[in-house]
Amino acid sequence: MKIEKINITPDLAEKMLNNRESQSTALSEQKIDRYSELIQSEQWKPEGGVITLSSRDKSFPNNPRDVFSGEDYTIFDGHHRLSSIIKSKKTLEMHTAFVEEEDWDAVQELSNPTGILNAIVLLMSMSGETEVNLNEFFEENPAFLEIYYFCRKEYEFERTYPVHERPAHLILFGKIWVVTTLLFIFCRGEFDITDQNSIIANEYMKILIRSKDVISDCEKTQTPSAELIESREIIENNPFADRVDKLKKIVDLFEDWRKVCLAEMQELGLEA
């Protein structure tokens, strides 16, 4: 899988959407209208996310297709954005991930390929990588899928809040794949919920996502609060700003918080 910047014209977007073997994807006209207005007014930013194209339709993964150029790919994730380009009648440069034929052995083993690939694409964006072999990635990072399925079970907040009532911080963390990527980085690629490192990482994530009052909750649990408060402010201020930049800042704050926690544990004579 690779990531490139490509110019997507309305004509190219239409061809990619028409390449789907299944046209049953339900789309929100309200979201398409909002995106197209941003594109027309030139307010759409690169942080609008990465779209994912594929050599196969994810609904029919056993049907490979011949790919000779960009217009031969089909959409894997990003239906609303392509539809918005068509409606805006403007060309847009977008970060685009390509799921190639050599990736499909790994993809077909996944129970939720869209969410998992979105998490990997976000991880690539944060690290600056432009290409990854999916088979090798899963072999070298067995904790990644474990963290993804843990997050799906632990953080089912999407079902808790209707979109129109969602708190500002859940605009960023309203997707399991965003939480997965961040927790994977927090845990440094290894995960065991009984391990101290994983416990510390998950505690930060729980407060960051679930807390309605970070200061109060930190006081109740005697948890250092400064980094958590700043992280929450980063999330809530301009919630539609570049998510990669926001997440990188949160990772740095978490590392500072981890050091404070470990130092306090050592002072108390606890294992660190």
C-alpha atoms as a PDB file:
ATOM      1  CA  MET A   1       0.000   0.000   0.000  1.00  0.00           C
ATOM      2  CA  LYS A   2       1.339   3.405  -0.908  1.00  0.00           C
ATOM      3  CA  ILE A   3       0.314   7.033  -0.383  1.00  0.00           C
ATOM      4  CA  GLU A   4       0.672   9.688  -3.068  1.00  0.00           C
ATOM      5  CA  LYS A   5      -0.671  13.168  -3.773  1.00  0.00           C
ATOM      6  CA  ILE A   6      -2.804  13.143  -6.902  1.00  0.00           C
ATOM      7  CA  ASN A   7      -5.078  15.634  -8.626  1.00  0.00           C
ATOM      8  CA  ILE A   8      -8.624  14.296  -8.726  1.00  0.00           C
ATOM      9  CA  THR A   9     -10.818  15.877 -11.367  1.00  0.00           C
ATOM     10  CA  PRO A  10     -14.621  15.569 -11.297  1.00  0.00           C
ATOM     11  CA  ASP A  11     -14.346  13.223 -14.293  1.00  0.00           C
ATOM     12  CA  LEU A  12     -11.779  10.991 -12.568  1.00  0.00           C
ATOM     13  CA  ALA A  13     -13.845  10.941  -9.365  1.00  0.00           C
ATOM     14  CA  GLU A  14     -16.909   9.838 -11.325  1.00  0.00           C
ATOM     15  CA  LYS A  15     -14.988   7.034 -13.059  1.00  0.00           C
ATOM     16  CA  MET A  16     -13.637   5.743  -9.730  1.00  0.00           C
ATOM     17  CA  LEU A  17     -17.114   5.696  -8.213  1.00  0.00           C
ATOM     18  CA  ASN A  18     -18.555   4.016 -11.291  1.00  0.00           C
ATOM     19  CA  ASN A  19     -15.907   1.278 -11.068  1.00  0.00           C
ATOM     20  CA  ARG A  20     -17.646  -0.115  -7.992  1.00  0.00           C
ATOM     21  CA  GLU A  21     -19.253  -3.470  -8.579  1.00  0.00           C
ATOM     22  CA  SER A  22     -21.753  -2.591  -5.869  1.00  0.00           C
ATOM     23  CA  GLN A  23     -23.473   0.810  -5.863  1.00  0.00           C
ATOM     24  CA  SER A  24     -25.261   0.242  -2.565  1.00  0.00           C
ATOM     25  CA  THR A  25     -23.144   2.530  -0.346  1.00  0.00           C
ATOM     26  CA  ALA A  26     -25.480   4.922   1.499  1.00  0.00           C
ATOM     27  CA  LEU A  27     -24.257   8.507   1.276  1.00  0.00           C
ATOM     28  CA  SER A  28     -25.236  11.615   3.213  1.00  0.00           C
ATOM     29  CA  GLU A  29     -26.327  14.422   0.896  1.00  0.00           C
ATOM     30  CA  GLN A  30     -25.808  16.853   3.778  1.00  0.00           C
ATOM     31  CA  LYS A  31     -22.163  15.817   4.093  1.00  0.00           C
ATOM     32  CA  ILE A  32     -21.634  16.006   0.326  1.00  0.00           C
ATOM     33  CA  ASP A  33     -23.122  19.518   0.270  1.00  0.00           C
ATOM     34  CA  ARG A  34     -20.880  20.641   3.154  1.00  0.00           C
ATOM     35  CA  TYR A  35     -17.729  19.224   1.568  1.00  0.00           C
ATOM     36  CA  SER A  36     -18.512  20.622  -1.885  1.00  0.00           C
ATOM     37  CA  GLU A  37     -19.093  24.102  -0.419  1.00  0.00           C
ATOM     38  CA  LEU A  38     -15.668  23.949   1.236  1.00  0.00           C
ATOM     39  CA  ILE A  39     -14.066  22.855  -2.045  1.00  0.00           C
ATOM     40  CA  GLN A  40     -15.824  25.572  -4.068  1.00  0.00           C
ATOM     41  CA  SER A  41     -14.810  28.275  -1.593  1.00  0.00           C
ATOM     42  CA  GLU A  42     -11.225  26.899  -1.529  1.00  0.00           C
ATOM     43  CA  GLN A  43     -11.476  26.290   2.205  1.00  0.00           C
ATOM     44  CA  TRP A  44     -10.848  22.553   1.868  1.00  0.00           C
ATOM     45  CA  LYS A  45      -7.472  21.735   3.415  1.00  0.00           C
ATOM     46  CA  PRO A  46      -5.114  18.749   2.972  1.00  0.00           C
ATOM     47  CA  GLU A  47      -6.123  17.664   6.469  1.00  0.00           C
ATOM     48  CA  GLY A  48      -9.448  16.665   4.930  1.00  0.00           C
ATOM     49  CA  GLY A  49      -8.053  13.174   5.113  1.00  0.00           C
ATOM     50  CA  VAL A  50      -6.658  10.462   2.872  1.00  0.00           C
ATOM     51  CA  ILE A  51      -8.945   8.700   0.426  1.00  0.00           C
ATOM     52  CA  THR A  52      -8.236   5.040  -0.278  1.00  0.00           C
ATOM     53  CA  LEU A  53      -8.425   3.513  -3.751  1.00  0.00           C
ATOM     54  CA  SER A  54      -8.155  -0.153  -4.575  1.00  0.00           C
ATOM     55  CA  SER A  55      -7.526  -2.611  -7.377  1.00  0.00           C
ATOM     56  CA  ARG A  56     -10.580  -4.567  -6.140  1.00  0.00           C
ATOM     57  CA  ASP A  57     -14.064  -3.727  -4.935  1.00  0.00           C
ATOM     58  CA  LYS A  58     -14.096  -4.450  -1.180  1.00  0.00           C
ATOM     59  CA  SER A  59     -17.595  -5.920  -1.539  1.00  0.00           C
ATOM     60  CA  PHE A  60     -16.247  -8.422  -4.094  1.00  0.00           C
ATOM     61  CA  PRO A  61     -12.656  -9.064  -2.936  1.00  0.00           C
ATOM     62  CA  ASN A  62     -12.218 -12.185  -5.047  1.00  0.00           C
ATOM     63  CA  ASN A  63     -12.607 -10.253  -8.296  1.00  0.00           C
ATOM     64  CA  PRO A  64      -9.274  -8.670  -9.310  1.00  0.00           C
ATOM     65  CA  ARG A  65      -9.412  -5.974 -11.974  1.00  0.00           C
ATOM     66  CA  ASP A  66      -6.841  -4.753 -14.475  1.00  0.00           C
ATOM     67  CA  VAL A  67      -5.316  -1.458 -13.372  1.00  0.00           C
ATOM     68  CA  PHE A  68      -3.389   0.510 -15.976  1.00  0.00           C
ATOM     69  CA  SER A  69      -3.954   4.058 -14.709  1.00  0.00           C
ATOM     70  CA  GLY A  70      -5.642   6.004 -11.926  1.00  0.00           C
ATOM     71  CA  GLU A  71      -9.058   5.832 -13.551  1.00  0.00           C
ATOM     72  CA  ASP A  72      -9.015   2.016 -13.314  1.00  0.00           C
ATOM     73  CA  TYR A  73      -9.060   2.011  -9.500  1.00  0.00           C
ATOM     74  CA  THR A  74     -12.250   1.777  -7.502  1.00  0.00           C
ATOM     75  CA  ILE A  75     -13.049   3.599  -4.284  1.00  0.00           C
ATOM     76  CA  PHE A  76     -12.300   1.780  -1.018  1.00  0.00           C
ATOM     77  CA  ASP A  77     -12.919   4.670   1.366  1.00  0.00           C
ATOM     78  CA  GLY A  78     -13.786   8.275   0.542  1.00  0.00           C
ATOM     79  CA  HIS A  79     -17.139   8.046  -1.260  1.00  0.00           C
ATOM     80  CA  HIS A  80     -18.350  11.386   0.140  1.00  0.00           C
ATOM     81  CA  ARG A  81     -15.183  13.223  -0.850  1.00  0.00           C
ATOM     82  CA  LEU A  82     -15.250  11.934  -4.423  1.00  0.00           C
ATOM     83  CA  SER A  83     -18.948  12.771  -4.661  1.00  0.00           C
ATOM     84  CA  SER A  84     -18.181  16.266  -3.348  1.00  0.00           C
ATOM     85  CA  ILE A  85     -15.518  16.806  -6.011  1.00  0.00           C
ATOM     86  CA  ILE A  86     -18.080  15.884  -8.672  1.00  0.00           C
ATOM     87  CA  LYS A  87     -20.664  18.260  -7.206  1.00  0.00           C
ATOM     88  CA  SER A  88     -18.164  21.132  -6.803  1.00  0.00           C
ATOM     89  CA  LYS A  89     -16.966  20.742 -10.426  1.00  0.00           C
ATOM     90  CA  LYS A  90     -13.449  21.544  -9.234  1.00  0.00           C
ATOM     91  CA  THR A  91     -10.183  19.566  -9.296  1.00  0.00           C
ATOM     92  CA  LEU A  92      -8.693  18.802  -5.876  1.00  0.00           C
ATOM     93  CA  GLU A  93      -5.231  17.591  -4.903  1.00  0.00           C
ATOM     94  CA  MET A  94      -5.643  14.830  -2.327  1.00  0.00           C
ATOM     95  CA  HIS A  95      -3.441  12.464  -0.352  1.00  0.00           C
ATOM     96  CA  THR A  96      -4.458   9.107  -1.761  1.00  0.00           C
ATOM     97  CA  ALA A  97      -3.699   5.584  -0.533  1.00  0.00           C
ATOM     98  CA  PHE A  98      -3.585   2.746  -3.064  1.00  0.00           C
ATOM     99  CA  VAL A  99      -4.409  -0.827  -2.059  1.00  0.00           C
ATOM    100  CA  GLU A 100      -2.605  -2.898  -4.675  1.00  0.00           C
ATOM    101  CA  GLU A 101      -2.969  -6.543  -5.746  1.00  0.00           C
ATOM    102  CA  GLU A 102      -0.085  -7.664  -3.511  1.00  0.00           C
ATOM    103  CA  ASP A 103      -1.967  -6.247  -0.494  1.00  0.00           C
ATOM    104  CA  TRP A 104      -5.119  -8.289  -0.939  1.00  0.00           C
ATOM    105  CA  ASP A 105      -3.956 -11.501   0.727  1.00  0.00           C
ATOM    106  CA  ALA A 106      -3.628  -9.493   3.946  1.00  0.00           C
ATOM    107  CA  VAL A 107      -6.770  -7.419   3.391  1.00  0.00           C
ATOM    108  CA  GLN A 108      -9.019 -10.444   2.918  1.00  0.00           C
ATOM    109  CA  GLU A 109      -8.016 -11.750   6.347  1.00  0.00           C
ATOM    110  CA  LEU A 110      -9.390  -8.645   8.077  1.00  0.00           C
ATOM    111  CA  SER A 111     -12.849  -8.598   9.629  1.00  0.00           C
ATOM    112  CA  ASN A 112     -13.135  -4.812   9.284  1.00  0.00           C
ATOM    113  CA  PRO A 113     -10.726  -3.811   6.501  1.00  0.00           C
ATOM    114  CA  THR A 114     -11.874  -0.197   6.090  1.00  0.00           C
ATOM    115  CA  GLY A 115     -11.274   0.787   9.731  1.00  0.00           C
ATOM    116  CA  ILE A 116      -8.003  -1.121   9.996  1.00  0.00           C
ATOM    117  CA  LEU A 117      -6.578   0.282   6.753  1.00  0.00           C
ATOM    118  CA  ASN A 118      -7.630   3.793   7.794  1.00  0.00           C
ATOM    119  CA  ALA A 119      -5.640   3.293  11.004  1.00  0.00           C
ATOM    120  CA  ILE A 120      -2.568   2.152   9.053  1.00  0.00           C
ATOM    121  CA  VAL A 121      -2.876   5.077   6.640  1.00  0.00           C
ATOM    122  CA  LEU A 122      -3.032   7.474   9.603  1.00  0.00           C
ATOM    123  CA  LEU A 123       0.011   5.789  11.154  1.00  0.00           C
ATOM    124  CA  MET A 124       1.868   6.194   7.850  1.00  0.00           C
ATOM    125  CA  SER A 125       0.870   9.866   7.672  1.00  0.00           C
ATOM    126  CA  MET A 126       2.179  10.475  11.190  1.00  0.00           C
ATOM    127  CA  SER A 127       5.480   8.710  10.547  1.00  0.00           C
ATOM    128  CA  GLY A 128       5.994  10.162   7.070  1.00  0.00           C
ATOM    129  CA  GLU A 129       6.061   6.737   5.417  1.00  0.00           C
ATOM    130  CA  THR A 130       4.696   6.596   1.881  1.00  0.00           C
ATOM    131  CA  GLU A 131       4.696   2.842   1.302  1.00  0.00           C
ATOM    132  CA  VAL A 132       4.120  -0.262   3.416  1.00  0.00           C
ATOM    133  CA  ASN A 133       3.858  -3.972   2.667  1.00  0.00           C
ATOM    134  CA  LEU A 134       0.683  -5.008   4.502  1.00  0.00           C
ATOM    135  CA  ASN A 135       1.689  -8.660   4.886  1.00  0.00           C
ATOM    136  CA  GLU A 136       4.981  -7.653   6.475  1.00  0.00           C
ATOM    137  CA  PHE A 137       3.299  -4.966   8.578  1.00  0.00           C
ATOM    138  CA  PHE A 138       0.930  -7.412  10.270  1.00  0.00           C
ATOM    139  CA  GLU A 139       3.713  -9.964  10.781  1.00  0.00           C
ATOM    140  CA  GLU A 140       5.972  -7.364  12.398  1.00  0.00           C
ATOM    141  CA  ASN A 141       3.213  -5.631  14.392  1.00  0.00           C
ATOM    142  CA  PRO A 142       0.899  -8.330  15.812  1.00  0.00           C
ATOM    143  CA  ALA A 143      -0.252  -5.896  18.508  1.00  0.00           C
ATOM    144  CA  PHE A 144      -1.841  -3.593  15.929  1.00  0.00           C
ATOM    145  CA  LEU A 145      -4.896  -5.777  15.309  1.00  0.00           C
ATOM    146  CA  GLU A 146      -5.124  -6.628  19.005  1.00  0.00           C
ATOM    147  CA  ILE A 147      -5.269  -2.914  19.835  1.00  0.00           C
ATOM    148  CA  TYR A 148      -7.836  -2.269  17.107  1.00  0.00           C
ATOM    149  CA  TYR A 149     -10.227  -4.928  18.410  1.00  0.00           C
ATOM    150  CA  PHE A 150      -9.585  -3.824  22.005  1.00  0.00           C
ATOM    151  CA  CYS A 151     -10.540  -0.253  21.071  1.00  0.00           C
ATOM    152  CA  ARG A 152     -13.706  -1.405  19.316  1.00  0.00           C
ATOM    153  CA  LYS A 153     -14.767  -3.113  22.520  1.00  0.00           C
ATOM    154  CA  GLU A 154     -13.504  -0.509  24.993  1.00  0.00           C
ATOM    155  CA  TYR A 155     -14.497   2.729  23.241  1.00  0.00           C
ATOM    156  CA  GLU A 156     -17.926   2.371  21.703  1.00  0.00           C
ATOM    157  CA  PHE A 157     -18.593   6.077  22.038  1.00  0.00           C
ATOM    158  CA  GLU A 158     -19.924   6.469  18.483  1.00  0.00           C
ATOM    159  CA  ARG A 159     -23.068   4.671  19.563  1.00  0.00           C
ATOM    160  CA  THR A 160     -23.272   6.686  22.775  1.00  0.00           C
ATOM    161  CA  TYR A 161     -23.619  10.112  21.159  1.00  0.00           C
ATOM    162  CA  PRO A 162     -25.774  11.073  18.155  1.00  0.00           C
ATOM    163  CA  VAL A 163     -23.580  13.017  15.706  1.00  0.00           C
ATOM    164  CA  HIS A 164     -25.394  16.315  16.339  1.00  0.00           C
ATOM    165  CA  GLU A 165     -24.840  15.947  20.116  1.00  0.00           C
ATOM    166  CA  ARG A 166     -21.231  14.746  19.954  1.00  0.00           C
ATOM    167  CA  PRO A 167     -18.831  16.724  22.200  1.00  0.00           C
ATOM    168  CA  ALA A 168     -16.103  18.675  20.389  1.00  0.00           C
ATOM    169  CA  HIS A 169     -13.322  16.275  21.383  1.00  0.00           C
ATOM    170  CA  LEU A 170     -15.195  13.365  19.796  1.00  0.00           C
ATOM    171  CA  ILE A 171     -15.053  15.017  16.390  1.00  0.00           C
ATOM    172  CA  LEU A 172     -11.433  13.866  16.382  1.00  0.00           C
ATOM    173  CA  PHE A 173     -11.911  10.690  18.410  1.00  0.00           C
ATOM    174  CA  GLY A 174     -15.235   9.715  16.880  1.00  0.00           C
ATOM    175  CA  LYS A 175     -13.574   6.948  14.887  1.00  0.00           C
ATOM    176  CA  ILE A 176     -12.080   3.777  16.333  1.00  0.00           C
ATOM    177  CA  TRP A 177      -9.219   3.859  13.833  1.00  0.00           C
ATOM    178  CA  VAL A 178      -7.992   7.219  15.178  1.00  0.00           C
ATOM    179  CA  VAL A 179      -7.985   5.840  18.736  1.00  0.00           C
ATOM    180  CA  THR A 180      -6.240   2.666  17.532  1.00  0.00           C
ATOM    181  CA  THR A 181      -3.408   4.579  15.908  1.00  0.00           C
ATOM    182  CA  LEU A 182      -2.824   6.756  18.951  1.00  0.00           C
ATOM    183  CA  LEU A 183      -2.923   3.870  21.438  1.00  0.00           C
ATOM    184  CA  PHE A 184      -0.553   1.844  19.232  1.00  0.00           C
ATOM    185  CA  ILE A 185       1.943   4.717  19.348  1.00  0.00           C
ATOM    186  CA  PHE A 186       1.423   5.203  23.094  1.00  0.00           C
ATOM    187  CA  CYS A 187       2.158   1.497  23.669  1.00  0.00           C
ATOM    188  CA  ARG A 188       5.218   1.608  21.384  1.00  0.00           C
ATOM    189  CA  GLY A 189       3.907  -1.224  19.276  1.00  0.00           C
ATOM    190  CA  GLU A 190       3.400  -3.720  22.105  1.00  0.00           C
ATOM    191  CA  PHE A 191       0.173  -4.386  23.957  1.00  0.00           C
ATOM    192  CA  ASP A 192      -0.769  -6.356  27.056  1.00  0.00           C
ATOM    193  CA  ILE A 193      -3.525  -4.837  29.168  1.00  0.00           C
ATOM    194  CA  THR A 194      -1.906  -6.281  32.313  1.00  0.00           C
ATOM    195  CA  ASP A 195       1.457  -4.698  31.463  1.00  0.00           C
ATOM    196  CA  GLN A 196       2.354  -1.421  33.165  1.00  0.00           C
ATOM    197  CA  ASN A 197       3.154   0.360  29.904  1.00  0.00           C
ATOM    198  CA  SER A 198      -0.208  -0.598  28.357  1.00  0.00           C
ATOM    199  CA  ILE A 199      -2.081   0.304  31.558  1.00  0.00           C
ATOM    200  CA  ILE A 200      -0.514   3.781  31.608  1.00  0.00           C
ATOM    201  CA  ALA A 201      -1.290   4.306  27.901  1.00  0.00           C
ATOM    202  CA  ASN A 202      -4.893   3.191  28.232  1.00  0.00           C
ATOM    203  CA  GLU A 203      -5.439   5.309  31.354  1.00  0.00           C
ATOM    204  CA  TYR A 204      -4.389   8.414  29.425  1.00  0.00           C
ATOM    205  CA  MET A 205      -6.692   7.459  26.569  1.00  0.00           C
ATOM    206  CA  LYS A 206      -9.657   6.811  28.870  1.00  0.00           C
ATOM    207  CA  ILE A 207      -9.416  10.205  30.548  1.00  0.00           C
ATOM    208  CA  LEU A 208      -8.752  11.963  27.258  1.00  0.00           C
ATOM    209  CA  ILE A 209     -11.831  10.485  25.598  1.00  0.00           C
ATOM    210  CA  ARG A 210     -14.364   9.742  28.332  1.00  0.00           C
ATOM    211  CA  SER A 211     -13.858  12.474  30.899  1.00  0.00           C
ATOM    212  CA  LYS A 212     -16.452  15.246  31.065  1.00  0.00           C
ATOM    213  CA  ASP A 213     -14.270  17.178  33.522  1.00  0.00           C
ATOM    214  CA  VAL A 214     -10.571  16.355  33.133  1.00  0.00           C
ATOM    215  CA  ILE A 215      -9.417  18.383  36.156  1.00  0.00           C
ATOM    216  CA  SER A 216     -12.010  16.853  38.493  1.00  0.00           C
ATOM    217  CA  ASP A 217     -11.373  13.301  37.295  1.00  0.00           C
ATOM    218  CA  CYS A 218      -7.614  13.697  37.644  1.00  0.00           C
ATOM    219  CA  GLU A 219      -8.054  14.995  41.200  1.00  0.00           C
ATOM    220  CA  LYS A 220     -10.272  12.042  42.124  1.00  0.00           C
ATOM    221  CA  THR A 221      -7.760   9.502  40.829  1.00  0.00           C
ATOM    222  CA  GLN A 222      -4.684  11.527  41.900  1.00  0.00           C
ATOM    223  CA  THR A 223      -3.537  11.540  38.290  1.00  0.00           C
ATOM    224  CA  PRO A 224      -1.185  14.232  36.908  1.00  0.00           C
ATOM    225  CA  SER A 225      -3.421  16.568  34.949  1.00  0.00           C
ATOM    226  CA  ALA A 226      -1.368  19.219  33.114  1.00  0.00           C
ATOM    227  CA  GLU A 227      -0.636  17.180  29.978  1.00  0.00           C
ATOM    228  CA  LEU A 228      -4.172  15.798  29.828  1.00  0.00           C
ATOM    229  CA  ILE A 229      -5.689  19.272  30.106  1.00  0.00           C
ATOM    230  CA  GLU A 230      -3.438  20.547  27.299  1.00  0.00           C
ATOM    231  CA  SER A 231      -4.219  17.507  25.152  1.00  0.00           C
ATOM    232  CA  ARG A 232      -7.937  18.088  25.566  1.00  0.00           C
ATOM    233  CA  GLU A 233      -7.518  21.754  24.645  1.00  0.00           C
ATOM    234  CA  ILE A 234      -5.644  20.774  21.487  1.00  0.00           C
ATOM    235  CA  ILE A 235      -8.511  18.480  20.535  1.00  0.00           C
ATOM    236  CA  GLU A 236     -11.324  20.907  21.297  1.00  0.00           C
ATOM    237  CA  ASN A 237      -9.806  24.042  19.758  1.00  0.00           C
ATOM    238  CA  ASN A 238     -10.585  24.112  16.034  1.00  0.00           C
ATOM    239  CA  PRO A 239     -11.750  20.470  15.913  1.00  0.00           C
ATOM    240  CA  PHE A 240     -11.539  20.348  12.101  1.00  0.00           C
ATOM    241  CA  ALA A 241      -7.851  21.327  11.922  1.00  0.00           C
ATOM    242  CA  ASP A 242      -5.104  18.961  10.769  1.00  0.00           C
ATOM    243  CA  ARG A 243      -5.560  15.742  12.759  1.00  0.00           C
ATOM    244  CA  VAL A 244      -1.981  14.565  12.121  1.00  0.00           C
ATOM    245  CA  ASP A 245      -0.526  17.715  13.646  1.00  0.00           C
ATOM    246  CA  LYS A 246      -2.885  17.452  16.630  1.00  0.00           C
ATOM    247  CA  LEU A 247      -2.069  13.794  17.257  1.00  0.00           C
ATOM    248  CA  LYS A 248       1.681  14.387  17.089  1.00  0.00           C
ATOM    249  CA  LYS A 249       1.359  17.052  19.791  1.00  0.00           C
ATOM    250  CA  ILE A 250      -0.743  14.697  21.929  1.00  0.00           C
ATOM    251  CA  VAL A 251       1.883  11.948  21.578  1.00  0.00           C
ATOM    252  CA  ASP A 252       4.555  14.356  22.857  1.00  0.00           C
ATOM    253  CA  LEU A 253       2.345  15.347  25.799  1.00  0.00           C
ATOM    254  CA  PHE A 254       1.653  11.711  26.616  1.00  0.00           C
ATOM    255  CA  GLU A 255       5.389  10.953  26.730  1.00  0.00           C
ATOM    256  CA  ASP A 256       5.837  13.806  29.227  1.00  0.00           C
ATOM    257  CA  TRP A 257       2.892  12.484  31.262  1.00  0.00           C
ATOM    258  CA  ARG A 258       4.311   8.957  31.241  1.00  0.00           C
ATOM    259  CA  LYS A 259       7.602  10.231  32.676  1.00  0.00           C
ATOM    260  CA  VAL A 260       5.761  12.085  35.458  1.00  0.00           C
ATOM    261  CA  CYS A 261       3.721   8.974  36.317  1.00  0.00           C
ATOM    262  CA  LEU A 262       6.784   6.717  36.392  1.00  0.00           C
ATOM    263  CA  ALA A 263       8.694   9.205  38.554  1.00  0.00           C
ATOM    264  CA  GLU A 264       5.799   9.365  41.043  1.00  0.00           C
ATOM    265  CA  MET A 265       5.607   5.569  41.131  1.00  0.00           C
ATOM    266  CA  GLN A 266       9.311   5.345  41.898  1.00  0.00           C
ATOM    267  CA  GLU A 267       8.939   7.845  44.732  1.00  0.00           C
ATOM    268  CA  LEU A 268       6.196   5.666  46.202  1.00  0.00           C
ATOM    269  CA  GLY A 269       8.399   2.613  45.904  1.00  0.00           C
ATOM    270  CA  LEU A 270       6.208   1.043  43.237  1.00  0.00           C
ATOM    271  CA  GLU A 271       7.657  -0.917  40.329  1.00  0.00           C
ATOM    272  CA  ALA A 272       8.391   1.285  37.310  1.00  0.00           C
END
